[in-house]
Protein backbone atom coordinates (compact mmCIF):
# COMPACT_ATOMS: atom_id res chain seq x y z
CA MET A 1 7.67 -17.95 -16.94
CA LYS A 2 3.94 -17.91 -16.16
CA ILE A 3 3.01 -15.45 -13.42
CA ARG A 4 -0.40 -14.89 -11.85
CA LEU A 5 -0.83 -12.10 -9.31
CA PHE A 6 -3.71 -12.18 -6.83
CA VAL A 7 -4.81 -8.72 -5.69
CA VAL A 8 -7.43 -6.43 -4.23
CA GLY A 9 -8.04 -3.26 -6.24
CA GLY A 10 -6.32 -0.20 -4.80
CA SER A 11 -4.18 -2.25 -2.38
CA HIS A 12 -0.84 -0.61 -1.62
CA PRO A 13 1.19 -3.83 -1.17
CA CYS A 14 -0.29 -5.07 -4.44
CA ALA A 15 0.91 -1.86 -6.09
CA THR A 16 4.37 -2.56 -4.65
CA VAL A 17 4.52 -5.97 -6.32
CA LYS A 18 3.13 -4.68 -9.62
CA LYS A 19 5.89 -2.05 -9.72
CA ALA A 20 8.54 -4.67 -8.99
CA LEU A 21 7.23 -6.86 -11.80
CA GLU A 22 7.37 -3.84 -14.11
CA ILE A 23 10.96 -3.10 -13.08
CA LYS A 24 11.93 -6.72 -13.71
CA GLY A 25 10.18 -6.70 -17.08
CA LEU A 26 8.02 -9.69 -16.20
CA PRO A 27 4.57 -10.07 -17.80
CA TYR A 28 1.79 -11.33 -15.56
CA SER A 29 -1.95 -11.82 -15.33
CA VAL A 30 -4.11 -10.50 -12.51
CA ILE A 31 -6.79 -12.22 -10.46
CA GLU A 32 -8.72 -9.66 -8.43
CA PHE A 33 -10.90 -10.28 -5.39
CA PRO A 34 -13.32 -7.81 -3.79
CA PRO A 35 -12.77 -6.98 -0.12
CA PRO A 36 -13.45 -8.59 2.29
CA MET A 37 -14.10 -11.74 0.21
CA HIS A 38 -10.38 -11.92 -0.55
CA MET A 39 -9.63 -13.10 2.99
CA ALA A 40 -11.29 -16.49 2.58
CA ALA A 41 -10.01 -16.96 -0.98
CA MET A 42 -6.42 -16.11 -0.07
CA LYS A 43 -6.54 -18.34 3.00
CA ILE A 44 -7.58 -21.27 0.80
CA LEU A 45 -5.06 -20.52 -1.96
CA PHE A 46 -2.04 -19.33 0.03
CA GLY A 47 -2.68 -20.12 3.68
CA GLU A 48 -2.70 -16.39 4.51
CA ARG A 49 -5.68 -14.06 4.41
CA THR A 50 -3.93 -11.01 2.96
CA VAL A 51 -2.99 -9.94 -0.57
CA PRO A 52 -0.83 -9.96 -2.59
CA GLY A 53 -0.20 -13.54 -3.53
CA ILE A 54 1.66 -14.75 -6.59
CA GLN A 55 2.04 -17.96 -8.54
CA ILE A 56 5.25 -18.28 -10.54
CA ASP A 57 5.17 -21.43 -12.65
CA GLY A 58 3.07 -23.01 -9.93
CA GLU A 59 5.21 -21.81 -7.02
CA LYS A 60 3.03 -19.95 -4.50
CA ILE A 61 4.32 -16.96 -2.53
CA SER A 62 2.32 -14.52 -0.40
CA GLY A 63 3.31 -11.18 1.09
CA SER A 64 4.93 -8.26 -0.70
CA ARG A 65 8.34 -8.62 1.00
CA GLU A 66 8.56 -12.32 0.24
CA ILE A 67 7.47 -11.76 -3.36
CA LEU A 68 10.03 -9.01 -3.95
CA GLU A 69 12.78 -11.21 -2.53
CA ARG A 70 11.82 -14.05 -4.87
CA LEU A 71 11.64 -11.76 -7.91
CA ASP A 72 15.15 -10.52 -7.16
CA GLN A 73 16.36 -14.11 -7.07
CA LEU A 74 14.68 -15.00 -10.36
CA VAL A 75 15.67 -11.81 -12.21
CA PRO A 76 18.79 -10.34 -10.57
CA SER A 77 19.00 -7.29 -12.83
CA PRO A 78 18.07 -4.59 -12.17
CA PRO A 79 18.61 -5.38 -8.49
CA LEU A 80 16.14 -4.38 -5.79
CA LEU A 81 18.84 -4.47 -3.10
CA PRO A 82 22.27 -2.79 -3.02
CA ASP A 83 25.46 -4.87 -3.06
CA GLY A 84 27.18 -3.55 0.06
CA ALA A 85 26.37 -5.38 3.31
CA THR A 86 25.84 -2.19 5.32
CA GLU A 87 23.70 -0.56 2.66
CA ARG A 88 21.71 -3.75 2.14
CA ALA A 89 21.00 -4.09 5.86
CA ALA A 90 19.75 -0.50 6.05
CA VAL A 91 17.42 -1.00 3.07
CA ILE A 92 16.05 -4.26 4.49
CA GLU A 93 15.42 -2.53 7.84
CA ALA A 94 13.50 0.27 6.12
CA GLU A 95 11.55 -2.23 4.03
CA ALA A 96 10.54 -4.19 7.14
CA TRP A 97 9.35 -0.99 8.82
CA GLY A 98 7.33 -0.11 5.72
CA ASP A 99 5.69 -3.53 5.79
CA GLU A 100 5.15 -3.93 9.53
CA VAL A 101 4.46 -0.35 10.65
CA LEU A 102 3.43 1.91 7.78
CA GLN A 103 1.41 -0.54 5.71
CA PRO A 104 -0.99 -1.52 8.55
CA LEU A 105 -1.34 2.13 9.57
CA VAL A 106 -2.63 2.99 6.10
CA ARG A 107 -5.33 0.32 6.43
CA ARG A 108 -6.27 1.64 9.87
CA VAL A 109 -6.75 5.09 8.32
CA LEU A 110 -8.48 3.88 5.16
CA TRP A 111 -11.26 1.72 6.57
CA PRO A 112 -12.57 4.06 9.30
CA SER A 113 -12.58 6.81 6.66
CA PHE A 114 -14.70 4.61 4.40
CA LYS A 115 -16.97 3.73 7.31
CA ALA A 116 -17.76 7.42 7.87
CA ASN A 117 -17.84 8.25 4.13
CA PRO A 118 -19.07 5.17 2.24
CA ALA A 119 -19.57 7.03 -1.05
CA VAL A 120 -15.81 7.70 -1.17
CA MET A 121 -15.22 3.95 -1.53
CA ALA A 122 -16.47 4.17 -5.12
CA ASN A 123 -13.52 6.42 -5.99
CA TYR A 124 -11.12 3.60 -5.18
CA SER A 125 -12.49 1.16 -7.73
CA VAL A 126 -10.83 3.04 -10.60
CA GLY A 127 -8.94 0.56 -12.74
CA SER A 128 -10.59 -2.42 -11.10
CA LYS A 129 -11.32 -5.46 -13.23
CA LEU A 130 -14.51 -6.06 -11.25
CA PRO A 131 -17.90 -4.56 -12.20
CA PRO A 132 -18.43 -1.19 -10.48
CA VAL A 133 -20.72 -1.17 -7.46
CA PRO A 134 -23.33 1.63 -7.60
CA VAL A 135 -22.99 4.18 -4.80
CA PRO A 136 -26.43 3.37 -3.31
CA VAL A 137 -25.38 -0.27 -3.03
CA LEU A 138 -22.05 0.74 -1.55
CA LYS A 139 -23.82 2.70 1.14
CA LEU A 140 -25.87 -0.38 1.99
CA ILE A 141 -22.94 -2.79 2.21
CA ALA A 142 -20.39 -0.36 3.67
CA PRO A 143 -21.25 -0.97 7.34
CA GLY A 144 -20.65 -4.70 7.00
CA VAL A 145 -17.57 -4.44 4.78
CA THR A 146 -15.89 -1.77 6.89
CA ALA A 147 -16.69 -3.58 10.14
CA ILE A 148 -15.02 -6.77 8.87
CA GLU A 149 -11.99 -4.91 7.54
CA MET A 150 -11.60 -2.79 10.68
CA ARG A 151 -11.73 -5.87 12.87
CA ALA A 152 -9.23 -7.72 10.67
CA ASN A 153 -6.86 -4.74 10.68
CA ARG A 154 -7.34 -3.86 14.36
CA ALA A 155 -8.68 -0.43 13.50
CA SER A 156 -10.78 1.61 15.91
CA ASP A 157 -11.68 5.21 16.68
CA GLU A 158 -8.68 5.34 19.01
CA THR A 159 -6.17 3.97 16.50
CA TYR A 160 -7.64 6.26 13.84
CA ALA A 161 -6.94 9.41 15.82
CA ASP A 162 -3.49 8.26 16.95
CA ASP A 163 -2.38 7.18 13.49
CA ILE A 164 -3.40 10.42 11.84
CA ARG A 165 -1.76 12.59 14.50
CA THR A 166 1.53 10.69 14.30
CA LEU A 167 1.79 10.86 10.49
CA PRO A 168 4.27 13.79 10.43
CA ILE A 169 6.64 11.86 12.73
CA LEU A 170 6.58 8.88 10.38
CA LEU A 171 7.13 11.09 7.33
CA ASP A 172 10.12 12.70 9.07
CA LYS A 173 11.61 9.22 9.53
CA ILE A 174 11.18 8.42 5.83
CA ASP A 175 12.67 11.78 4.82
CA ARG A 176 15.73 10.99 6.95
CA TRP A 177 16.16 7.69 5.12
CA ILE A 178 16.01 9.55 1.83
CA ALA A 179 18.52 12.15 3.03
CA SER A 180 20.94 9.41 4.11
CA GLY A 181 20.66 7.56 0.79
CA VAL A 182 18.86 4.50 2.12
CA MET A 183 15.94 5.41 -0.13
CA GLY A 184 15.40 7.56 -3.19
CA GLY A 185 18.51 6.60 -5.15
CA ALA A 186 18.85 6.34 -8.91
CA ILE A 187 17.88 2.65 -8.75
CA LEU A 188 14.69 1.93 -6.83
CA ASN A 189 15.03 -0.62 -4.06
CA VAL A 190 12.65 -2.74 -1.99
CA ALA A 191 12.28 -0.04 0.68
CA ASP A 192 11.36 2.54 -1.97
CA LEU A 193 8.65 0.30 -3.40
CA GLN A 194 7.31 -0.86 -0.05
CA ILE A 195 7.06 2.59 1.52
CA ALA A 196 6.19 4.68 -1.54
CA ALA A 197 3.09 2.60 -2.28
CA SER A 198 1.70 3.27 1.20
CA LEU A 199 2.52 6.98 0.97
CA ARG A 200 0.90 7.26 -2.45
CA LEU A 201 -2.33 5.81 -1.12
CA LEU A 202 -2.34 8.26 1.78
CA MET A 203 -1.71 11.08 -0.68
CA THR A 204 -5.04 10.38 -2.35
CA PHE A 205 -6.63 11.99 0.72
CA ALA A 206 -6.92 15.70 -0.01
CA ASP A 207 -6.95 16.37 3.73
CA PHE A 208 -3.30 15.26 3.89
CA SER A 209 -2.07 17.56 1.12
CA GLU A 210 -0.48 20.09 3.49
CA ILE A 211 1.20 17.37 5.54
CA PHE A 212 2.90 15.99 2.41
CA ALA A 213 3.63 19.33 0.74
CA GLY A 214 7.30 19.84 -0.12
CA ARG A 215 8.46 16.57 1.43
CA PRO A 216 11.08 14.38 -0.28
CA CYS A 217 9.00 11.32 0.57
CA ALA A 218 6.07 12.76 -1.38
CA GLU A 219 8.34 13.28 -4.39
CA LEU A 220 9.51 9.69 -4.11
CA ALA A 221 5.94 8.38 -3.90
CA LEU A 222 5.02 10.26 -7.08
CA ARG A 223 8.18 9.05 -8.80
CA CYS A 224 7.36 5.42 -8.04
CA PHE A 225 3.60 5.69 -8.55
CA PRO A 226 2.64 8.67 -10.74
CA GLU A 227 -0.94 7.42 -10.85
CA ALA A 228 -2.95 6.05 -7.95
CA PRO A 229 -6.55 4.88 -7.90
CA GLY A 230 -8.91 6.77 -5.69
CA PHE A 231 -9.52 10.21 -4.29
CA ALA A 232 -10.88 11.29 -0.93
CA PRO A 233 -12.05 14.92 -0.94
CA VAL A 234 -11.42 17.50 1.75
CA GLY A 235 -13.54 16.74 4.79
CA THR A 236 -13.09 12.96 4.63
CA ILE A 237 -10.76 13.20 7.65
CA PRO A 238 -12.23 15.14 10.59
CA ALA A 239 -10.41 18.48 10.77
CA ALA A 240 -9.91 18.12 14.51
CA LEU A 241 -7.69 15.09 13.95
CA LEU A 242 -5.39 16.62 11.36
CA PRO A 243 -1.92 17.49 12.66
CA SER A 244 -0.16 20.72 11.86
CA PRO A 245 1.96 20.53 8.69
CA THR A 246 4.93 21.70 10.77
């Protein structure tokens, strides 16, 4: 089976698919695009502007949920979904929320943060296959790159503040899923992979350390993704926007 994975460095849905491929024991090669150039390339190759995309013996699939579903069909063991109908429905619901709600929120936090702190972008190229961009160059191109990404992801100053302030509510929801057994079991499922990748990227922001401290969802994110590219130091997020850890 020949597998080619199309990614952007540091992307959380791309990390989700990489982890699933690891769980399934499937070797693959990586084709990496720089943002925002990936939008045009992915549109041409897959008909969608977003990563990840995958080619499996020529078959093209885009989107992390769709890719995980196909991988489970091709390699049923270990399964990424539970057997029971009720349990399966709950996991699929959580996965959809992770894809449709949490994943876009992370982008809406990431790109405004890079807009205000362009030098931090360099920290998120760790592990990239592309040549590193010097910080002075990053500072020059950051306004254009962040403007394109913010527009594509519907990010603004208003969404930035709202998303950051509602983070504890979202983390409470994930912790309830873990407490009920929907997530965090002995065998990782699609909801674990989908949600943990987004959480792990948020956890690279030092400003969020108190919000995540002691939470089961933080433990799950570290279990799924012990390493994560990038680091945003304290002060990247305006202190006035940070919610109370409680």
